[in-house]
Protein backbone atom coordinates (compact mmCIF):
# COMPACT_ATOMS: atom_id res chain seq x y z
CA MET A 1 23.88 97.09 93.42
CA LYS A 2 26.64 98.02 95.80
CA ALA A 3 26.65 100.64 98.54
CA VAL A 4 29.79 101.64 100.41
CA VAL A 5 28.36 103.02 103.64
CA GLN A 6 30.54 105.19 105.86
CA ARG A 7 29.69 106.50 109.31
CA VAL A 8 30.67 110.16 109.27
CA SER A 9 30.83 113.28 111.38
CA SER A 10 30.56 115.27 108.14
CA GLY A 11 30.40 114.85 104.40
CA SER A 12 30.01 117.14 101.43
CA VAL A 13 29.85 117.24 97.66
CA SER A 14 31.01 120.19 95.61
CA ILE A 15 30.67 120.72 91.85
CA PRO A 16 32.11 124.16 91.10
CA SER A 17 31.14 124.08 87.40
CA GLU A 18 27.49 123.53 88.37
CA ASN A 19 27.57 125.91 91.35
CA TYR A 20 26.39 122.93 93.43
CA TYR A 21 27.16 122.16 97.03
CA SER A 22 25.56 119.71 99.45
CA GLU A 23 26.65 118.76 102.96
CA ILE A 24 25.67 116.75 106.01
CA LYS A 25 26.81 116.48 109.61
CA ASP A 26 26.55 113.28 111.70
CA GLY A 27 25.22 110.39 109.66
CA LEU A 28 26.14 108.34 106.61
CA VAL A 29 27.84 108.92 103.30
CA ILE A 30 26.68 106.29 100.83
CA LEU A 31 28.66 105.73 97.64
CA LEU A 32 26.22 103.90 95.37
CA GLY A 33 27.17 101.75 92.40
CA ILE A 34 24.59 100.29 90.05
CA LYS A 35 25.43 97.38 87.79
CA ILE A 36 23.85 96.02 84.64
CA GLY A 37 20.79 93.97 85.53
CA ASP A 38 20.04 95.61 88.88
CA THR A 39 16.31 95.92 89.57
CA GLU A 40 13.90 98.11 91.49
CA LYS A 41 13.72 95.34 94.08
CA ASP A 42 17.49 95.59 94.54
CA ALA A 43 17.30 99.38 95.01
CA VAL A 44 14.61 99.05 97.68
CA PHE A 45 16.49 96.24 99.46
CA VAL A 46 19.78 98.17 99.59
CA ALA A 47 18.05 101.40 100.68
CA ASP A 48 16.20 99.60 103.46
CA LYS A 49 19.38 97.87 104.61
CA CYS A 50 21.33 101.15 104.64
CA SER A 51 18.54 102.89 106.56
CA ASN A 52 18.54 100.24 109.26
CA LEU A 53 22.26 99.41 109.61
CA ARG A 54 23.12 99.56 113.30
CA ILE A 55 26.57 101.12 113.10
CA PHE A 56 26.21 104.01 115.57
CA GLY A 57 27.16 103.72 119.22
CA ASP A 58 24.57 103.49 121.98
CA SER A 59 25.04 104.66 125.58
CA GLU A 60 27.44 101.74 126.14
CA ASP A 61 29.35 102.55 122.92
CA LYS A 62 28.08 99.36 121.23
CA MET A 63 27.04 99.62 117.60
CA ASN A 64 23.31 99.23 118.22
CA LEU A 65 21.80 102.35 116.63
CA SER A 66 20.85 103.17 113.04
CA VAL A 67 21.04 106.53 111.30
CA LYS A 68 17.28 106.79 111.92
CA ASP A 69 17.81 106.20 115.65
CA ILE A 70 20.33 109.03 115.94
CA GLU A 71 18.29 111.30 113.65
CA GLY A 72 21.33 111.58 111.41
CA GLU A 73 21.65 112.76 107.84
CA VAL A 74 22.61 110.86 104.69
CA LEU A 75 24.63 111.99 101.68
CA ILE A 76 24.13 109.74 98.64
CA VAL A 77 26.73 109.89 95.86
CA SER A 78 26.51 107.87 92.64
CA GLN A 79 29.77 106.09 91.89
CA PHE A 80 29.94 103.79 88.87
CA THR A 81 33.62 103.12 89.61
CA LEU A 82 32.54 100.71 92.37
CA TYR A 83 32.09 98.26 89.50
CA GLY A 84 35.57 98.76 88.09
CA GLU A 85 37.04 95.34 87.32
CA THR A 86 40.80 95.22 87.98
CA ALA A 87 41.69 91.54 87.46
CA LYS A 88 43.35 92.16 84.06
CA GLY A 89 45.75 94.97 83.32
CA ASN A 90 46.11 98.22 85.20
CA ARG A 91 43.18 100.18 83.79
CA PRO A 92 39.84 99.31 85.42
CA ASN A 93 37.17 97.91 83.14
CA PHE A 94 33.71 99.35 83.84
CA THR A 95 31.62 97.05 81.64
CA LEU A 96 29.64 95.80 84.67
CA ALA A 97 28.45 99.33 85.54
CA ALA A 98 24.96 100.17 84.31
CA ARG A 99 24.61 102.80 81.61
CA PRO A 100 22.86 106.03 82.68
CA GLU A 101 19.55 105.10 81.04
CA GLU A 102 19.38 102.04 83.32
CA ALA A 103 21.15 103.49 86.36
CA VAL A 104 19.44 106.88 86.77
CA PRO A 105 15.94 105.51 87.49
CA LEU A 106 17.39 103.10 90.08
CA TYR A 107 19.49 105.84 91.65
CA GLU A 108 16.41 108.05 91.90
CA LEU A 109 14.35 105.17 93.36
CA PHE A 110 17.09 104.56 95.96
CA ILE A 111 16.95 108.24 96.95
CA ARG A 112 13.14 108.21 97.17
CA ARG A 113 13.19 105.11 99.35
CA MET A 114 15.82 106.62 101.66
CA LYS A 115 13.64 109.73 101.97
CA GLU A 116 10.65 107.55 102.86
CA ASN A 117 12.71 105.67 105.44
CA ILE A 118 14.53 108.57 107.09
CA GLY A 119 12.75 111.78 106.04
CA SER A 120 13.22 114.04 103.03
CA GLN A 121 14.99 116.76 104.98
CA LYS A 122 17.68 114.30 106.12
CA ILE A 123 18.73 113.16 102.63
CA LYS A 124 21.24 115.05 100.47
CA THR A 125 22.77 113.96 97.17
CA GLY A 126 25.45 114.56 94.62
CA LEU A 127 24.60 114.91 90.92
CA PHE A 128 24.46 111.72 88.88
CA GLY A 129 27.25 111.55 86.31
CA ALA A 130 28.97 114.74 87.40
CA MET A 131 32.64 115.09 88.28
CA MET A 132 32.36 115.78 92.01
CA GLN A 133 34.68 116.70 94.84
CA VAL A 134 33.58 114.58 97.79
CA SER A 135 34.79 115.22 101.33
CA ILE A 136 34.24 112.58 103.99
CA VAL A 137 35.21 112.59 107.66
CA ASN A 138 34.80 108.92 108.53
CA GLU A 139 34.14 108.24 112.22
CA GLY A 140 35.64 105.09 113.70
CA PRO A 141 36.53 104.47 110.96
CA VAL A 142 33.38 102.52 110.17
CA THR A 143 32.81 101.42 106.58
CA VAL A 144 30.37 98.68 105.53
CA ILE A 145 29.59 97.33 102.08
CA VAL A 146 25.95 96.47 101.33
CA GLU A 147 25.34 94.44 98.17
CA LYS A 148 22.37 92.88 96.47
């Protein structure tokens, strides 16, 4: 499981065909990739790590605070392309990415765990498998990759 975690001043997901829109202000945008063989234990580990990452500035502008500490929001977006293999040729190979029947339950578990850690009202999501328009205003920029 791989999470690309970005510290943001805002983030949003729009899916015009589904009449779906979700947005956050200060917090994290997490692009979540799930690979074949990932487990529930992996989902919980990555969610806990993302919840507790100290990548927000304290009063001395040191990265000492988590999204929980700043009472920030989190936008979680599924992104199987994080497991695109590019070593051969010019077209990414996505054979490492989990199929929906394996990935959806882990994606949903990740979301539930984030809600437990941070609070349901602070967590927003995209729609699994949908073609989304994602807007991210990265602050810093700060981007961290969490893998299990």
